[in-house]
Protein backbone atom coordinates (compact mmCIF):
# COMPACT_ATOMS: atom_id res chain seq x y z
CA MET A 1 0.37 -0.06 0.15
CA TRP A 2 2.54 2.50 0.74
CA ARG A 3 5.01 1.98 -2.28
CA SER A 4 1.94 2.60 -4.42
CA GLN A 5 1.08 5.56 -2.60
CA ALA A 6 4.94 6.71 -3.22
CA GLU A 7 4.42 5.40 -6.92
CA ALA A 8 1.38 7.54 -7.57
CA GLU A 9 3.18 10.51 -5.82
CA GLY A 10 6.43 10.21 -7.83
CA LEU A 11 8.01 9.66 -4.35
CA THR A 12 10.96 6.50 -4.09
CA LEU A 13 11.69 4.32 -1.36
CA LEU A 14 15.52 4.84 -0.51
CA LYS A 15 16.78 1.79 -0.04
CA ALA A 16 19.62 1.83 2.45
CA ASP A 17 21.85 -1.35 3.53
CA ASN A 18 20.70 -1.51 7.57
CA LYS A 19 18.57 -3.50 9.47
CA THR A 20 15.36 -1.65 8.21
CA GLY A 21 16.27 -1.97 4.50
CA TYR A 22 15.19 1.61 4.15
CA PHE A 23 17.31 5.15 4.37
CA GLY A 24 16.16 7.20 6.83
CA VAL A 25 14.32 4.38 8.66
CA LYS A 26 15.54 2.94 12.50
CA HIS A 27 13.99 -0.09 14.46
CA ASN A 28 12.78 0.62 17.99
CA PRO A 29 11.72 -3.60 18.47
CA GLY A 30 9.40 -3.63 21.51
CA GLN A 31 7.11 -1.01 20.48
CA SER A 32 3.96 -0.22 19.02
CA LYS A 33 5.17 1.26 16.62
CA PRO A 34 8.76 0.23 16.29
CA TYR A 35 10.01 2.40 12.74
CA GLN A 36 11.49 5.59 13.47
CA GLY A 37 11.54 7.78 10.89
CA GLN A 38 14.36 10.76 11.06
CA VAL A 39 16.53 12.65 8.81
CA LYS A 40 19.42 15.09 9.84
CA ARG A 41 18.93 19.05 9.25
CA GLY A 42 20.84 21.80 10.33
CA GLY A 43 23.59 19.47 12.01
CA LYS A 44 21.19 17.85 13.79
CA MET A 45 18.98 14.61 13.48
CA VAL A 46 15.39 15.31 13.80
CA HIS A 47 12.66 12.93 14.64
CA LEU A 48 9.58 12.36 12.00
CA GLY A 49 7.80 9.73 14.00
CA CYS A 50 6.97 6.34 14.66
CA PHE A 51 5.28 3.84 12.54
CA ALA A 52 4.19 0.40 12.50
CA THR A 53 5.57 -0.87 9.18
CA ALA A 54 9.10 -0.01 7.30
CA GLU A 55 7.52 1.77 4.01
CA GLU A 56 5.15 3.50 5.86
CA ALA A 57 7.93 5.25 7.75
CA ALA A 58 10.59 5.44 4.14
CA LEU A 59 7.77 7.32 2.76
CA CYS A 60 7.53 9.87 5.62
CA VAL A 61 11.14 10.11 5.55
CA ALA A 62 10.76 10.36 0.75
CA TRP A 63 8.12 13.37 1.87
CA THR A 64 10.86 15.52 3.49
CA PRO A 65 13.47 17.57 1.70
CA GLU A 66 15.91 15.62 2.83
CA GLY A 67 14.83 12.73 1.45
CA GLN A 68 13.73 14.12 -1.87
CA ALA A 69 17.19 15.53 -2.25
CA ALA A 70 19.05 12.18 -1.14
CA ALA A 71 16.66 10.37 -4.25
CA LYS A 72 18.39 13.00 -6.57
CA ARG A 73 21.42 12.10 -5.72
CA PRO A 74 22.83 9.03 -8.48
CA ALA A 75 22.42 5.52 -6.91
CA ALA A 76 25.30 4.61 -5.65
CA ALA A 77 28.06 1.90 -7.29
CA PRO A 78 27.65 -1.36 -6.32
CA PRO A 79 30.73 -3.16 -4.54
CA LEU A 80 34.26 -3.30 -6.37
CA THR A 81 34.82 -7.25 -5.80
CA SER A 82 38.61 -7.71 -4.63
CA GLU A 83 39.73 -8.18 -8.09
CA GLU A 84 38.12 -5.27 -9.39
CA SER A 85 39.22 -2.67 -6.62
CA ARG A 86 43.00 -4.13 -7.80
CA GLN A 87 42.08 -3.32 -11.68
CA GLN A 88 40.81 0.27 -10.76
CA ALA A 89 44.25 0.75 -7.96
CA LYS A 90 46.49 -0.19 -11.14
CA ALA A 91 44.19 1.91 -14.33
CA GLU A 92 44.59 4.76 -11.49
CA GLY A 93 48.23 4.64 -11.01
CA LEU A 94 47.64 3.43 -7.01
CA THR A 95 49.18 1.23 -4.48
CA LEU A 96 47.49 -1.03 -2.36
CA LEU A 97 49.41 -0.63 0.78
CA VAL A 98 49.75 -4.23 2.42
CA ALA A 99 50.22 -3.95 6.14
CA ASP A 100 50.61 -6.33 8.39
CA ASN A 101 47.88 -7.10 9.76
CA LYS A 102 44.03 -8.80 10.03
CA THR A 103 42.89 -7.86 7.09
CA GLY A 104 46.16 -7.26 5.49
CA TYR A 105 46.08 -3.44 4.06
CA PHE A 106 47.83 -0.26 5.27
CA GLY A 107 44.32 1.76 7.08
CA VAL A 108 41.88 -1.01 6.51
CA TYR A 109 40.64 -2.64 9.97
CA LEU A 110 37.69 -5.22 10.14
CA ASP A 111 35.16 -3.96 12.11
CA LYS A 112 32.28 -5.81 11.72
CA PRO A 113 32.97 -9.17 11.01
CA GLY A 114 29.49 -10.94 9.64
CA LYS A 115 28.29 -7.63 8.47
CA PRO A 116 27.25 -6.30 4.86
CA LYS A 117 30.21 -4.09 5.25
CA PRO A 118 32.75 -5.58 7.66
CA TYR A 119 35.77 -3.56 6.19
CA MET A 120 36.46 0.02 7.56
CA ALA A 121 39.19 2.06 6.37
CA GLN A 122 40.88 4.87 8.52
CA VAL A 123 43.51 8.19 8.23
CA ARG A 124 44.91 9.94 11.06
CA ARG A 125 44.00 13.75 10.14
CA GLY A 126 44.76 16.50 12.25
CA GLY A 127 45.74 13.97 15.20
CA LYS A 128 42.66 11.92 14.93
CA LEU A 129 41.22 9.51 13.34
CA VAL A 130 38.98 9.91 10.17
CA THR A 131 36.95 7.23 9.07
CA LEU A 132 36.57 7.05 5.70
CA GLY A 133 33.76 4.40 4.82
CA PHE A 134 32.38 0.64 4.94
CA PHE A 135 33.08 -1.72 2.92
CA VAL A 136 31.99 -5.14 1.31
CA THR A 137 35.59 -6.15 0.72
CA ALA A 138 39.13 -5.20 2.23
CA GLU A 139 40.67 -4.38 -1.15
CA GLU A 140 37.94 -2.02 -1.62
CA ALA A 141 38.66 -0.01 1.88
CA ALA A 142 42.29 0.19 0.48
CA LEU A 143 41.15 1.69 -2.55
CA CYS A 144 39.51 4.39 -0.59
CA PHE A 145 42.78 4.27 1.58
CA ALA A 146 44.60 4.38 -1.52
CA ARG A 147 42.14 7.79 -2.91
CA SER A 148 43.12 9.92 -0.14
CA PRO A 149 45.82 12.61 0.67
CA GLU A 150 47.10 10.67 3.53
CA GLY A 151 47.26 7.07 1.31
CA ARG A 152 49.26 8.69 -1.21
CA THR A 153 52.06 9.93 0.76
CA ALA A 154 52.15 6.65 2.99
CA ALA A 155 52.64 4.72 -1.04
CA LYS A 156 55.27 7.90 -1.59
CA ARG A 157 57.34 6.74 1.37
CA ALA A 158 56.43 3.25 0.99
CA ALA A 159 58.14 3.71 -2.60
CA ALA A 160 61.31 5.72 -1.55
CA PRO A 161 64.49 3.33 -2.58
CA PRO A 162 65.48 0.67 0.89
CA PRO A 163 68.33 2.02 3.46
CA LEU A 164 71.87 2.04 2.86
CA THR A 165 73.90 -0.48 4.56
CA SER A 166 76.91 1.23 6.22
CA GLU A 167 78.91 0.05 3.47
CA GLU A 168 76.49 1.47 0.69
CA ALA A 169 76.73 4.75 2.38
CA ARG A 170 80.44 5.32 2.27
CA GLN A 171 80.67 3.96 -1.53
CA GLN A 172 77.82 6.20 -2.07
CA ALA A 173 79.55 9.52 -0.03
CA ARG A 174 82.93 8.93 -2.55
CA ALA A 175 80.24 8.33 -5.44
CA GLU A 176 79.29 12.50 -5.18
CA GLY A 177 82.91 13.21 -3.51
CA LEU A 178 80.79 14.07 -0.43
CA MET A 179 82.97 13.46 2.86
CA LEU A 180 81.72 11.45 6.14
CA LEU A 181 82.65 13.72 8.41
CA THR A 182 84.02 12.21 12.12
CA ALA A 183 82.74 13.21 15.15
CA GLY A 184 83.63 12.35 19.25
CA ASN A 185 80.66 11.18 19.82
CA LYS A 186 78.34 7.91 20.80
CA THR A 187 77.64 7.43 16.80
CA GLY A 188 81.30 8.83 15.70
CA TYR A 189 79.82 11.43 12.83
CA TYR A 190 79.41 15.05 12.65
CA GLY A 191 75.49 16.17 13.24
CA VAL A 192 74.47 12.51 13.98
CA ASN A 193 73.41 11.33 16.92
CA VAL A 194 71.12 8.32 18.56
CA ALA A 195 67.58 8.44 18.29
CA LYS A 196 65.88 8.24 21.66
CA THR A 197 63.42 5.91 21.26
CA GLY A 198 61.75 3.61 18.39
CA LYS A 199 63.66 2.53 15.35
CA PRO A 200 65.51 4.04 13.03
CA LYS A 201 68.19 4.43 15.33
CA TYR A 202 70.26 7.22 13.87
CA GLU A 203 69.13 10.81 13.48
CA ALA A 204 70.83 13.47 11.10
CA GLN A 205 70.09 17.00 12.27
CA VAL A 206 71.98 20.39 11.90
CA TRP A 207 72.30 23.73 13.03
CA ARG A 208 70.07 26.44 10.92
CA GLY A 209 69.25 29.75 11.45
CA GLY A 210 69.82 29.48 14.86
CA LYS A 211 67.97 26.60 15.48
CA MET A 212 68.09 22.92 15.43
CA VAL A 213 67.05 21.25 11.99
CA TYR A 214 65.66 17.82 11.98
CA LEU A 215 67.21 16.02 8.62
CA GLY A 216 65.89 12.15 8.75
CA SER A 217 65.95 9.49 11.09
CA PHE A 218 68.16 6.57 9.42
CA ALA A 219 69.07 2.65 10.02
CA THR A 220 72.55 3.29 9.96
CA ALA A 221 75.03 6.18 11.59
CA GLU A 222 76.77 6.40 8.29
CA GLU A 223 73.79 6.67 5.98
CA ALA A 224 72.67 9.93 9.03
CA ALA A 225 75.68 11.38 8.13
CA LEU A 226 75.45 10.90 4.46
CA CYS A 227 72.52 13.07 4.86
CA VAL A 228 73.98 15.82 6.90
CA ALA A 229 77.09 15.46 4.15
CA ARG A 230 74.76 16.12 1.37
CA SER A 231 73.67 19.32 3.18
CA PRO A 232 74.71 23.02 2.76
CA GLU A 233 75.59 23.26 6.44
CA GLY A 234 77.13 19.65 5.76
CA GLN A 235 79.51 21.02 2.31
CA ALA A 236 80.68 23.61 4.81
CA ALA A 237 82.00 21.72 7.64
CA ALA A 238 83.56 19.80 5.40
CA LYS A 239 85.90 22.32 3.47
CA ARG A 240 86.80 23.60 7.05
CA ALA A 241 87.69 20.14 7.94
CA ALA A 242 89.71 20.10 4.73
CA ALA A 243 91.37 23.26 5.33
CA ALA A 244 94.24 22.20 7.72
CA PRO A 245 95.03 18.41 9.02
CA PRO A 246 94.72 18.92 13.16
CA PRO A 247 98.47 19.04 14.49
CA THR A 248 100.35 16.37 16.38
CA SER A 249 101.14 16.83 20.22
CA GLU A 250 104.80 17.96 19.08
CA GLU A 251 103.08 20.29 16.15
CA ALA A 252 100.83 22.03 19.01
CA ARG A 253 103.62 22.22 21.93
CA GLN A 254 105.59 23.54 18.82
CA GLN A 255 103.19 26.15 17.63
CA ALA A 256 102.64 27.61 20.93
CA ARG A 257 106.57 28.16 21.39
CA ALA A 258 105.95 29.87 18.39
CA GLU A 259 103.04 32.01 19.33
CA GLY A 260 104.52 32.59 22.68
CA LEU A 261 102.31 30.47 24.35
CA THR A 262 102.26 28.63 27.51
CA LEU A 263 100.11 25.11 28.03
CA LEU A 264 99.20 24.97 31.11
CA LYS A 265 99.42 21.68 33.07
CA THR A 266 97.16 20.35 35.66
CA ASP A 267 96.67 17.15 37.87
CA ASN A 268 93.49 15.83 35.43
CA LYS A 269 92.42 13.27 33.27
CA ALA A 270 93.67 15.51 30.39
CA GLY A 271 96.69 16.87 31.88
CA TYR A 272 95.70 20.46 30.76
CA PHE A 273 94.08 23.67 31.90
CA SER A 274 90.58 23.53 30.69
CA VAL A 275 91.13 20.39 28.95
CA THR A 276 88.67 17.93 29.28
CA LEU A 277 88.35 13.76 28.26
CA ILE A 278 85.02 13.41 26.65
CA SER A 279 85.47 9.66 24.96
CA GLN A 280 88.14 6.98 25.05
CA PRO A 281 91.34 7.35 23.42
CA GLY A 282 91.47 6.31 20.33
CA GLN A 283 88.17 8.17 18.75
CA PRO A 284 88.95 11.01 16.10
CA LYS A 285 88.39 14.24 18.55
CA PRO A 286 88.03 12.88 22.03
CA TYR A 287 89.41 15.81 23.30
CA MET A 288 87.51 19.29 24.72
CA ALA A 289 88.21 22.38 24.91
CA ARG A 290 86.27 24.79 27.03
CA VAL A 291 86.23 28.17 29.33
CA TRP A 292 84.40 30.14 31.86
CA ARG A 293 82.70 33.23 30.10
CA GLY A 294 79.82 34.92 31.11
CA GLY A 295 79.31 32.60 34.22
CA LYS A 296 79.14 30.00 31.47
CA ASN A 297 80.94 26.99 30.46
CA VAL A 298 81.67 27.71 26.82
CA SER A 299 82.95 25.11 24.28
CA LEU A 300 85.95 26.01 22.19
CA GLY A 301 85.66 23.25 20.22
CA CYS A 302 86.93 18.90 20.09
CA PHE A 303 90.51 18.16 18.58
CA ALA A 304 92.26 15.34 18.81
CA THR A 305 95.08 15.66 20.98
CA ALA A 306 94.72 17.03 24.11
CA GLU A 307 97.81 19.46 23.48
CA GLU A 308 95.51 20.97 20.01
CA ALA A 309 92.71 20.96 23.08
CA ALA A 310 95.48 23.35 25.33
CA LEU A 311 96.74 24.79 22.61
CA CYS A 312 92.72 26.35 21.44
CA ILE A 313 92.40 27.19 25.66
CA ALA A 314 96.15 29.65 25.23
CA ARG A 315 95.15 30.97 22.37
CA SER A 316 92.06 32.09 24.56
CA PRO A 317 91.25 35.18 26.81
CA GLU A 318 90.75 32.99 29.11
CA GLY A 319 93.90 31.02 28.54
CA ARG A 320 96.03 34.39 28.34
CA ALA A 321 94.75 35.33 31.82
CA ALA A 322 95.41 32.24 33.17
CA ALA A 323 98.58 32.18 32.04
CA ALA A 324 99.89 35.29 33.77
CA LYS A 325 98.58 34.65 36.59
CA GLN A 326 100.67 31.64 36.86
CA ALA A 327 103.72 33.52 35.63
CA ALA A 328 103.37 36.10 38.49
CA PRO A 329 106.15 36.07 41.22
CA GLN A 330 104.86 34.61 44.44
CA LEU A 331 105.63 36.03 47.60
CA SER A 332 106.19 33.68 50.65
CA GLU A 333 103.86 34.42 54.53
CA GLU A 334 107.57 36.37 55.27
CA GLU A 335 108.50 38.06 52.21
CA GLY A 336 105.19 39.47 52.20
CA LYS A 337 105.44 41.10 55.27
CA GLY A 338 105.45 45.44 55.79
CA THR A 339 105.74 44.87 51.76
CA VAL A 340 104.29 48.45 50.32
CA PRO A 341 101.18 47.40 47.91
CA PRO A 342 100.89 48.38 44.62
CA MET A 343 99.73 51.47 43.44
CA PRO A 344 96.62 51.69 42.17
CA PRO A 345 95.85 51.96 38.73
CA GLY A 346 95.52 55.49 37.42
CA ALA A 347 96.93 56.47 40.91
CA PHE A 348 100.32 59.24 40.63
CA VAL A 349 102.32 60.84 43.71
CA LYS A 350 102.42 64.72 44.06
CA GLU A 351 105.47 66.17 44.97
CA GLU A 352 105.36 69.45 46.95
CA ASP A 353 108.16 72.32 48.73
CA VAL A 354 108.54 72.07 52.04
CA PRO A 355 109.60 75.98 54.02
CA ALA A 356 112.81 76.35 55.34
CA ALA A 357 111.80 77.60 58.54
CA ALA A 358 109.93 73.67 59.17
CA ALA A 359 111.64 71.18 61.21
CA VAL A 360 111.27 67.88 62.06
CA LYS A 361 110.94 67.21 65.15
CA GLU A 362 112.46 63.72 66.19
CA GLU A 363 111.61 61.49 69.31
CA GLY A 364 115.35 62.29 71.54
CA ALA A 365 116.34 65.24 69.77
CA VAL A 366 117.06 68.43 71.54
CA PRO A 367 115.10 71.94 70.75
CA PRO A 368 117.08 74.45 69.69
CA MET A 369 118.06 77.82 71.76
CA PRO A 370 116.29 80.53 71.81
CA PRO A 371 117.91 83.98 70.48
CA ASP A 372 118.54 85.86 73.62
CA ALA A 373 119.85 82.85 75.49
CA PHE A 374 123.60 82.34 76.88
CA VAL A 375 125.49 79.41 78.49
CA VAL A 376 126.45 79.57 81.78
CA LYS A 377 129.10 77.49 82.64
CA ALA A 378 129.95 76.35 85.91
CA GLU A 379 132.11 73.10 88.07
CA VAL A 380 130.74 70.32 89.49
CA VAL A 381 132.46 69.15 92.55
CA VAL A 382 131.68 65.52 93.58
CA LYS A 383 132.48 63.81 96.87
CA GLU A 384 133.02 60.81 97.87
CA GLU A 385 132.41 59.19 101.70
CA GLU A 386 133.05 56.33 102.71
CA SER A 387 131.41 54.40 105.19
CA SER A 388 131.43 50.89 106.56
CA GLY A 389 129.34 48.71 105.68
CA SER A 390 126.95 50.76 103.06
CA ARG A 391 128.06 52.18 99.15
CA PRO A 392 130.20 55.36 98.49
CA LYS A 393 127.79 58.50 98.88
CA ARG A 394 128.47 60.66 96.39
CA GLN A 395 127.59 65.09 96.96
CA ARG A 396 127.25 67.94 94.37
CA ARG A 397 128.61 70.93 95.23
CA LYS A 398 128.44 73.91 92.64
């Protein structure tokens, strides 16, 4: 009856792949009128009413603007078989990426086993998982994923050449005329670090525009070093390294003497002031030169020998100041007593004329006689008397 009425009114009861078999119709078991008609309007689901049959509810949906718009849309193509999906992917130049999961395809999940469309295609977009649709076969879901921007990006990554072995990376560097710069770090290469977590194990990075720039992750340290060597920063570092070979220990001492510098010795593992042994001897550059500058430890570089690092320190303002301090004469405690401290910078001695009449009063000196004084000469006679049992007595008489 309801189908006849729909035909009489020129309406279509749209079929759908759900429990009721009709678009916009929902089944609520146990109700006197178990079929509910609903449409999405203004971003919300709008309830149209409850009905005894699915056809009556579908007719109610067909009367709405949403139902009529859905009827005008072209009918959905029948689902593709697995083989048809593969052929369509080839025709469009797409790759159905295989993966080690239950469906066998990247981005495809078995969501509803036993249902008409059990396979779901998903991508991660904007930090969230986005469902692209449900499909009859895994291959059709993989085709939907391959058509998405995320699928195309994943296909490009998969199509990249396999990672190079250590020896292949060295050979490639020689073929391109590049240098894999060695460094005194855990990886042994300039700009290459051990990744903190996960695989690949090695990360390539360079300092660019005042920031550390990540270049990529690699399976071997040599392949990461090759990536650094191809960068402008790596090529500039290679030119600096090729400018002059590092001096030997003896050459560093001779250079210090030629420049009038002192390689300050101290009691540490390196044997020199401000030189630190940062890795095991035998590494390319195990010695680091660093100074205290502006309240911070500043690294001046890593070197092959302790003497070369000490020469770098000796050339720095901090090294020159330390050498001058060590070369200054050191007075003992006894020698230092009573010494006059040095005059501060900028001080000078001021000379003044002393008047002729001025006299210096010294302790024990006889003051001069007044102008009107005169001298009286007198004789003094001392008479000694003897007395028994006592010392002689003296008498003074003028």
